[in-house]
């Protein structure tokens, strides 16, 4: 599955390696990701798509706040993400 807006992804490299994030925006080369803690909605990380791996999970509905992102990622990890 390709990486699209709302996808939950895992970072494959960099300081964020093995961390889970939600894609806030995406184009052909880059995704803007946030986890609601270190990387907030107000200042998402610009990450190359080759450094992300898809989890084949897309969040339903809109995610606009840091607490929403934290809740989604915590639920994902608890369910075996």
PDB file of N, CA and C in Angstrom:
ATOM      1  N   UNK A   1       0.848  -1.182   0.000  1.00  0.00           N
ATOM      2  CA  UNK A   1       0.000   0.000   0.000  1.00  0.00           C
ATOM      3  C   UNK A   1       0.890   1.241   0.000  1.00  0.00           C
ATOM      4  N   UNK A   2       0.525   2.224  -0.745  1.00  0.00           N
ATOM      5  CA  UNK A   2       1.314   3.447  -0.808  1.00  0.00           C
ATOM      6  C   UNK A   2       1.014   4.349   0.391  1.00  0.00           C
ATOM      7  N   UNK A   3       1.880   5.294   0.601  1.00  0.00           N
ATOM      8  CA  UNK A   3       1.734   6.226   1.719  1.00  0.00           C
ATOM      9  C   UNK A   3       0.880   7.397   1.257  1.00  0.00           C
ATOM     10  N   UNK A   4      -0.208   7.624   1.964  1.00  0.00           N
ATOM     11  CA  UNK A   4      -1.136   8.710   1.652  1.00  0.00           C
ATOM     12  C   UNK A   4      -1.425   9.495   2.931  1.00  0.00           C
ATOM     13  N   UNK A   5      -2.102  10.594   2.777  1.00  0.00           N
ATOM     14  CA  UNK A   5      -2.488  11.404   3.925  1.00  0.00           C
ATOM     15  C   UNK A   5      -3.346  10.563   4.867  1.00  0.00           C
ATOM     16  N   UNK A   6      -2.993  10.555   6.152  1.00  0.00           N
ATOM     17  CA  UNK A   6      -3.724   9.782   7.139  1.00  0.00           C
ATOM     18  C   UNK A   6      -3.119   8.415   7.420  1.00  0.00           C
ATOM     19  N   UNK A   7      -2.084   8.020   6.678  1.00  0.00           N
ATOM     20  CA  UNK A   7      -1.432   6.727   6.894  1.00  0.00           C
ATOM     21  C   UNK A   7      -0.640   6.734   8.193  1.00  0.00           C
ATOM     22  N   UNK A   8      -0.566   5.579   8.832  1.00  0.00           N
ATOM     23  CA  UNK A   8       0.354   5.391   9.947  1.00  0.00           C
ATOM     24  C   UNK A   8       1.591   4.741   9.356  1.00  0.00           C
ATOM     25  N   UNK A   9       2.747   5.354   9.613  1.00  0.00           N
ATOM     26  CA  UNK A   9       3.998   4.879   9.039  1.00  0.00           C
ATOM     27  C   UNK A   9       5.038   4.675  10.139  1.00  0.00           C
ATOM     28  N   UNK A  10       6.081   3.919   9.799  1.00  0.00           N
ATOM     29  CA  UNK A  10       7.211   3.712  10.701  1.00  0.00           C
ATOM     30  C   UNK A  10       8.446   4.288  10.023  1.00  0.00           C
ATOM     31  N   UNK A  11       9.230   5.057  10.776  1.00  0.00           N
ATOM     32  CA  UNK A  11      10.466   5.634  10.248  1.00  0.00           C
ATOM     33  C   UNK A  11      11.537   4.552  10.178  1.00  0.00           C
ATOM     34  N   UNK A  12      12.216   4.458   9.042  1.00  0.00           N
ATOM     35  CA  UNK A  12      13.258   3.451   8.848  1.00  0.00           C
ATOM     36  C   UNK A  12      14.652   3.991   9.128  1.00  0.00           C
ATOM     37  N   UNK A  13      14.805   5.307   9.209  1.00  0.00           N
ATOM     38  CA  UNK A  13      16.133   5.872   9.432  1.00  0.00           C
ATOM     39  C   UNK A  13      16.018   7.224  10.120  1.00  0.00           C
ATOM     40  N   UNK A  14      17.169   7.699  10.573  1.00  0.00           N
ATOM     41  CA  UNK A  14      17.218   9.003  11.206  1.00  0.00           C
ATOM     42  C   UNK A  14      16.963   8.940  12.691  1.00  0.00           C
ATOM     43  N   UNK A  15      16.828  10.070  13.286  1.00  0.00           N
ATOM     44  CA  UNK A  15      16.611  10.190  14.718  1.00  0.00           C
ATOM     45  C   UNK A  15      15.298   9.537  15.151  1.00  0.00           C
ATOM     46  N   UNK A  16      14.346   9.484  14.246  1.00  0.00           N
ATOM     47  CA  UNK A  16      13.021   8.935  14.539  1.00  0.00           C
ATOM     48  C   UNK A  16      12.926   7.440  14.268  1.00  0.00           C
ATOM     49  N   UNK A  17      14.031   6.765  13.976  1.00  0.00           N
ATOM     50  CA  UNK A  17      14.052   5.367  13.553  1.00  0.00           C
ATOM     51  C   UNK A  17      13.183   4.489  14.458  1.00  0.00           C
ATOM     52  N   UNK A  18      12.350   3.656  13.813  1.00  0.00           N
ATOM     53  CA  UNK A  18      11.425   2.710  14.458  1.00  0.00           C
ATOM     54  C   UNK A  18      10.252   3.375  15.179  1.00  0.00           C
ATOM     55  N   UNK A  19      10.100   4.674  15.045  1.00  0.00           N
ATOM     56  CA  UNK A  19       8.960   5.366  15.634  1.00  0.00           C
ATOM     57  C   UNK A  19       7.774   5.363  14.688  1.00  0.00           C
ATOM     58  N   UNK A  20       6.574   5.389  15.272  1.00  0.00           N
ATOM     59  CA  UNK A  20       5.350   5.445  14.478  1.00  0.00           C
ATOM     60  C   UNK A  20       4.867   6.884  14.379  1.00  0.00           C
ATOM     61  N   UNK A  21       4.359   7.243  13.196  1.00  0.00           N
ATOM     62  CA  UNK A  21       3.900   8.597  12.923  1.00  0.00           C
ATOM     63  C   UNK A  21       2.658   8.561  12.052  1.00  0.00           C
ATOM     64  N   UNK A  22       1.929   9.665  12.054  1.00  0.00           N
ATOM     65  CA  UNK A  22       0.784   9.846  11.162  1.00  0.00           C
ATOM     66  C   UNK A  22       1.196  10.833  10.083  1.00  0.00           C
ATOM     67  N   UNK A  23       0.856  10.515   8.837  1.00  0.00           N
ATOM     68  CA  UNK A  23       1.177  11.391   7.706  1.00  0.00           C
ATOM     69  C   UNK A  23       0.123  12.498   7.636  1.00  0.00           C
ATOM     70  N   UNK A  24       0.579  13.740   7.767  1.00  0.00           N
ATOM     71  CA  UNK A  24      -0.327  14.890   7.703  1.00  0.00           C
ATOM     72  C   UNK A  24      -0.507  15.389   6.281  1.00  0.00           C
ATOM     73  N   UNK A  25       0.537  15.261   5.469  1.00  0.00           N
ATOM     74  CA  UNK A  25       0.477  15.669   4.070  1.00  0.00           C
ATOM     75  C   UNK A  25       1.543  14.892   3.322  1.00  0.00           C
ATOM     76  N   UNK A  26       1.351  14.752   2.022  1.00  0.00           N
ATOM     77  CA  UNK A  26       2.261  13.914   1.250  1.00  0.00           C
ATOM     78  C   UNK A  26       2.279  14.377  -0.203  1.00  0.00           C
ATOM     79  N   UNK A  27       3.460  14.265  -0.828  1.00  0.00           N
ATOM     80  CA  UNK A  27       3.566  14.477  -2.269  1.00  0.00           C
ATOM     81  C   UNK A  27       4.391  13.336  -2.856  1.00  0.00           C
ATOM     82  N   UNK A  28       4.963  13.495  -4.046  1.00  0.00           N
ATOM     83  CA  UNK A  28       5.654  12.401  -4.720  1.00  0.00           C
ATOM     84  C   UNK A  28       6.940  11.983  -4.019  1.00  0.00           C
ATOM     85  N   UNK A  29       7.614  12.907  -3.333  1.00  0.00           N
ATOM     86  CA  UNK A  29       8.913  12.616  -2.735  1.00  0.00           C
ATOM     87  C   UNK A  29       8.939  12.676  -1.215  1.00  0.00           C
ATOM     88  N   UNK A  30       8.087  13.492  -0.620  1.00  0.00           N
ATOM     89  CA  UNK A  30       8.169  13.735   0.817  1.00  0.00           C
ATOM     90  C   UNK A  30       6.820  13.558   1.503  1.00  0.00           C
ATOM     91  N   UNK A  31       6.901  13.242   2.793  1.00  0.00           N
ATOM     92  CA  UNK A  31       5.715  13.203   3.646  1.00  0.00           C
ATOM     93  C   UNK A  31       5.990  14.086   4.850  1.00  0.00           C
ATOM     94  N   UNK A  32       4.962  14.712   5.360  1.00  0.00           N
ATOM     95  CA  UNK A  32       5.054  15.516   6.569  1.00  0.00           C
ATOM     96  C   UNK A  32       4.405  14.713   7.678  1.00  0.00           C
ATOM     97  N   UNK A  33       5.208  14.336   8.685  1.00  0.00           N
ATOM     98  CA  UNK A  33       4.744  13.403   9.701  1.00  0.00           C
ATOM     99  C   UNK A  33       4.752  14.051  11.087  1.00  0.00           C
ATOM    100  N   UNK A  34       3.888  13.531  11.968  1.00  0.00           N
ATOM    101  CA  UNK A  34       3.821  14.002  13.353  1.00  0.00           C
ATOM    102  C   UNK A  34       3.427  12.845  14.248  1.00  0.00           C
ATOM    103  N   UNK A  35       3.904  12.901  15.500  1.00  0.00           N
ATOM    104  CA  UNK A  35       3.506  11.897  16.479  1.00  0.00           C
ATOM    105  C   UNK A  35       2.763  12.510  17.659  1.00  0.00           C
ATOM    106  N   UNK A  36       2.629  13.824  17.688  1.00  0.00           N
ATOM    107  CA  UNK A  36       1.886  14.501  18.743  1.00  0.00           C
ATOM    108  C   UNK A  36       2.703  14.781  19.988  1.00  0.00           C
ATOM    109  N   UNK A  37       3.911  14.237  20.089  1.00  0.00           N
ATOM    110  CA  UNK A  37       4.776  14.462  21.249  1.00  0.00           C
ATOM    111  C   UNK A  37       5.986  15.284  20.843  1.00  0.00           C
ATOM    112  N   UNK A  38       6.973  14.621  20.223  1.00  0.00           N
ATOM    113  CA  UNK A  38       8.180  15.321  19.783  1.00  0.00           C
ATOM    114  C   UNK A  38       7.921  16.126  18.527  1.00  0.00           C
ATOM    115  N   UNK A  39       7.179  15.544  17.613  1.00  0.00           N
ATOM    116  CA  UNK A  39       6.813  16.225  16.363  1.00  0.00           C
ATOM    117  C   UNK A  39       5.335  16.553  16.415  1.00  0.00           C
ATOM    118  N   UNK A  40       5.050  17.820  16.540  1.00  0.00           N
ATOM    119  CA  UNK A  40       3.673  18.269  16.709  1.00  0.00           C
ATOM    120  C   UNK A  40       3.054  18.666  15.373  1.00  0.00           C
ATOM    121  N   UNK A  41       1.756  18.821  15.377  1.00  0.00           N
ATOM    122  CA  UNK A  41       1.005  19.217  14.183  1.00  0.00           C
ATOM    123  C   UNK A  41       1.490  20.581  13.685  1.00  0.00           C
ATOM    124  N   UNK A  42       1.853  21.454  14.604  1.00  0.00           N
ATOM    125  CA  UNK A  42       2.277  22.802  14.236  1.00  0.00           C
ATOM    126  C   UNK A  42       3.620  22.814  13.509  1.00  0.00           C
ATOM    127  N   UNK A  43       4.463  21.796  13.753  1.00  0.00           N
ATOM    128  CA  UNK A  43       5.791  21.730  13.137  1.00  0.00           C
ATOM    129  C   UNK A  43       6.102  20.291  12.746  1.00  0.00           C
ATOM    130  N   UNK A  44       5.440  19.768  11.706  1.00  0.00           N
ATOM    131  CA  UNK A  44       5.677  18.374  11.321  1.00  0.00           C
ATOM    132  C   UNK A  44       7.057  18.184  10.700  1.00  0.00           C
ATOM    133  N   UNK A  45       7.534  16.960  10.744  1.00  0.00           N
ATOM    134  CA  UNK A  45       8.833  16.604  10.162  1.00  0.00           C
ATOM    135  C   UNK A  45       8.659  16.298   8.687  1.00  0.00           C
ATOM    136  N   UNK A  46       9.488  16.909   7.853  1.00  0.00           N
ATOM    137  CA  UNK A  46       9.511  16.602   6.425  1.00  0.00           C
ATOM    138  C   UNK A  46      10.449  15.415   6.243  1.00  0.00           C
ATOM    139  N   UNK A  47       9.914  14.285   5.771  1.00  0.00           N
ATOM    140  CA  UNK A  47      10.693  13.055   5.670  1.00  0.00           C
ATOM    141  C   UNK A  47      10.532  12.474   4.271  1.00  0.00           C
ATOM    142  N   UNK A  48      11.628  12.016   3.708  1.00  0.00           N
ATOM    143  CA  UNK A  48      11.601  11.398   2.398  1.00  0.00           C
ATOM    144  C   UNK A  48      10.826  10.085   2.457  1.00  0.00           C
ATOM    145  N   UNK A  49      10.071   9.791   1.420  1.00  0.00           N
ATOM    146  CA  UNK A  49       9.258   8.567   1.393  1.00  0.00           C
ATOM    147  C   UNK A  49      10.110   7.301   1.434  1.00  0.00           C
ATOM    148  N   UNK A  50      11.342   7.371   0.949  1.00  0.00           N
ATOM    149  CA  UNK A  50      12.188   6.176   0.978  1.00  0.00           C
ATOM    150  C   UNK A  50      12.634   5.829   2.403  1.00  0.00           C
ATOM    151  N   UNK A  51      12.483   6.764   3.331  1.00  0.00           N
ATOM    152  CA  UNK A  51      12.858   6.528   4.726  1.00  0.00           C
ATOM    153  C   UNK A  51      11.656   6.153   5.593  1.00  0.00           C
ATOM    154  N   UNK A  52      10.517   5.884   4.968  1.00  0.00           N
ATOM    155  CA  UNK A  52       9.308   5.500   5.692  1.00  0.00           C
ATOM    156  C   UNK A  52       8.804   4.159   5.180  1.00  0.00           C
ATOM    157  N   UNK A  53       8.245   3.374   6.091  1.00  0.00           N
ATOM    158  CA  UNK A  53       7.601   2.136   5.664  1.00  0.00           C
ATOM    159  C   UNK A  53       6.139   2.188   6.069  1.00  0.00           C
ATOM    160  N   UNK A  54       5.287   1.774   5.170  1.00  0.00           N
ATOM    161  CA  UNK A  54       3.851   1.806   5.398  1.00  0.00           C
ATOM    162  C   UNK A  54       3.440   0.656   6.313  1.00  0.00           C
ATOM    163  N   UNK A  55       2.450   0.902   7.157  1.00  0.00           N
ATOM    164  CA  UNK A  55       1.902  -0.145   8.022  1.00  0.00           C
ATOM    165  C   UNK A  55       0.585  -0.668   7.465  1.00  0.00           C
ATOM    166  N   UNK A  56       0.193  -0.179   6.290  1.00  0.00           N
ATOM    167  CA  UNK A  56      -1.070  -0.547   5.649  1.00  0.00           C
ATOM    168  C   UNK A  56      -2.283  -0.161   6.490  1.00  0.00           C
ATOM    169  N   UNK A  57      -2.135   0.867   7.318  1.00  0.00           N
ATOM    170  CA  UNK A  57      -3.231   1.375   8.130  1.00  0.00           C
ATOM    171  C   UNK A  57      -3.437   2.842   7.806  1.00  0.00           C
ATOM    172  N   UNK A  58      -4.680   3.200   7.510  1.00  0.00           N
ATOM    173  CA  UNK A  58      -5.027   4.595   7.248  1.00  0.00           C
ATOM    174  C   UNK A  58      -6.076   5.009   8.276  1.00  0.00           C
ATOM    175  N   UNK A  59      -5.860   6.148   8.897  1.00  0.00           N
ATOM    176  CA  UNK A  59      -6.769   6.657   9.913  1.00  0.00           C
ATOM    177  C   UNK A  59      -8.028   7.193   9.248  1.00  0.00           C
ATOM    178  N   UNK A  60      -9.170   6.783   9.763  1.00  0.00           N
ATOM    179  CA  UNK A  60     -10.445   7.274   9.230  1.00  0.00           C
ATOM    180  C   UNK A  60     -10.770   8.608   9.873  1.00  0.00           C
ATOM    181  N   UNK A  61     -11.323   9.507   9.091  1.00  0.00           N
ATOM    182  CA  UNK A  61     -11.672  10.827   9.593  1.00  0.00           C
ATOM    183  C   UNK A  61     -10.477  11.761   9.560  1.00  0.00           C
ATOM    184  N   UNK A  62     -10.675  12.952  10.070  1.00  0.00           N
ATOM    185  CA  UNK A  62      -9.598  13.940  10.051  1.00  0.00           C
ATOM    186  C   UNK A  62      -8.886  13.971  11.392  1.00  0.00           C
ATOM    187  N   UNK A  63      -7.591  14.178  11.334  1.00  0.00           N
ATOM    188  CA  UNK A  63      -6.774  14.313  12.537  1.00  0.00           C
ATOM    189  C   UNK A  63      -6.177  15.705  12.503  1.00  0.00           C
ATOM    190  N   UNK A  64      -6.536  16.505  13.491  1.00  0.00           N
ATOM    191  CA  UNK A  64      -6.113  17.896  13.460  1.00  0.00           C
ATOM    192  C   UNK A  64      -5.386  18.352  14.715  1.00  0.00           C
ATOM    193  N   UNK A  65      -5.406  17.561  15.795  1.00  0.00           N
ATOM    194  CA  UNK A  65      -4.778  17.997  17.037  1.00  0.00           C
ATOM    195  C   UNK A  65      -3.770  16.954  17.519  1.00  0.00           C
ATOM    196  N   UNK A  66      -2.860  17.405  18.363  1.00  0.00           N
ATOM    197  CA  UNK A  66      -1.847  16.515  18.909  1.00  0.00           C
ATOM    198  C   UNK A  66      -2.450  15.409  19.786  1.00  0.00           C
ATOM    199  N   UNK A  67      -3.441  15.700  20.645  1.00  0.00           N
ATOM    200  CA  UNK A  67      -4.042  14.617  21.430  1.00  0.00           C
ATOM    201  C   UNK A  67      -4.706  13.539  20.563  1.00  0.00           C
ATOM    202  N   UNK A  68      -5.306  13.939  19.445  1.00  0.00           N
ATOM    203  CA  UNK A  68      -5.909  12.953  18.541  1.00  0.00           C
ATOM    204  C   UNK A  68      -4.834  12.041  17.959  1.00  0.00           C
ATOM    205  N   UNK A  69      -3.705  12.603  17.554  1.00  0.00           N
ATOM    206  CA  UNK A  69      -2.617  11.809  16.991  1.00  0.00           C
ATOM    207  C   UNK A  69      -2.073  10.846  18.045  1.00  0.00           C
ATOM    208  N   UNK A  70      -1.847  11.339  19.265  1.00  0.00           N
ATOM    209  CA  UNK A  70      -1.347  10.480  20.338  1.00  0.00           C
ATOM    210  C   UNK A  70      -2.288   9.319  20.607  1.00  0.00           C
ATOM    211  N   UNK A  71      -3.580   9.591  20.642  1.00  0.00           N
ATOM    212  CA  UNK A  71      -4.579   8.552  20.906  1.00  0.00           C
ATOM    213  C   UNK A  71      -4.578   7.496  19.805  1.00  0.00           C
ATOM    214  N   UNK A  72      -4.538   7.936  18.556  1.00  0.00           N
ATOM    215  CA  UNK A  72      -4.534   7.004  17.421  1.00  0.00           C
ATOM    216  C   UNK A  72      -3.288   6.128  17.455  1.00  0.00           C
ATOM    217  N   UNK A  73      -2.123   6.719  17.689  1.00  0.00           N
ATOM    218  CA  UNK A  73      -0.885   5.948  17.705  1.00  0.00           C
ATOM    219  C   UNK A  73      -0.818   4.998  18.901  1.00  0.00           C
ATOM    220  N   UNK A  74      -1.304   5.443  20.067  1.00  0.00           N
ATOM    221  CA  UNK A  74      -1.321   4.557  21.234  1.00  0.00           C
ATOM    222  C   UNK A  74      -2.231   3.364  21.004  1.00  0.00           C
ATOM    223  N   UNK A  75      -3.399   3.587  20.425  1.00  0.00           N
ATOM    224  CA  UNK A  75      -4.311   2.482  20.109  1.00  0.00           C
ATOM    225  C   UNK A  75      -3.684   1.535  19.096  1.00  0.00           C
ATOM    226  N   UNK A  76      -3.012   2.086  18.101  1.00  0.00           N
ATOM    227  CA  UNK A  76      -2.368   1.271  17.072  1.00  0.00           C
ATOM    228  C   UNK A  76      -1.285   0.375  17.680  1.00  0.00           C
ATOM    229  N   UNK A  77      -0.473   0.944  18.557  1.00  0.00           N
ATOM    230  CA  UNK A  77       0.620   0.188  19.182  1.00  0.00           C
ATOM    231  C   UNK A  77       0.061  -0.880  20.144  1.00  0.00           C
ATOM    232  N   UNK A  78      -0.984  -0.532  20.906  1.00  0.00           N
ATOM    233  CA  UNK A  78      -1.599  -1.501  21.820  1.00  0.00           C
ATOM    234  C   UNK A  78      -2.188  -2.692  21.085  1.00  0.00           C
ATOM    235  N   UNK A  79      -2.682  -2.485  19.885  1.00  0.00           N
ATOM    236  CA  UNK A  79      -3.303  -3.550  19.112  1.00  0.00           C
ATOM    237  C   UNK A  79      -2.280  -4.323  18.276  1.00  0.00           C
ATOM    238  N   UNK A  80      -1.020  -4.161  18.585  1.00  0.00           N
ATOM    239  CA  UNK A  80       0.001  -4.952  17.906  1.00  0.00           C
ATOM    240  C   UNK A  80       0.649  -4.303  16.713  1.00  0.00           C
ATOM    241  N   UNK A  81       0.414  -3.010  16.519  1.00  0.00           N
ATOM    242  CA  UNK A  81       0.935  -2.236  15.407  1.00  0.00           C
ATOM    243  C   UNK A  81       2.202  -2.666  14.922  1.00  0.00           C
TER     244      UNK A  81
END
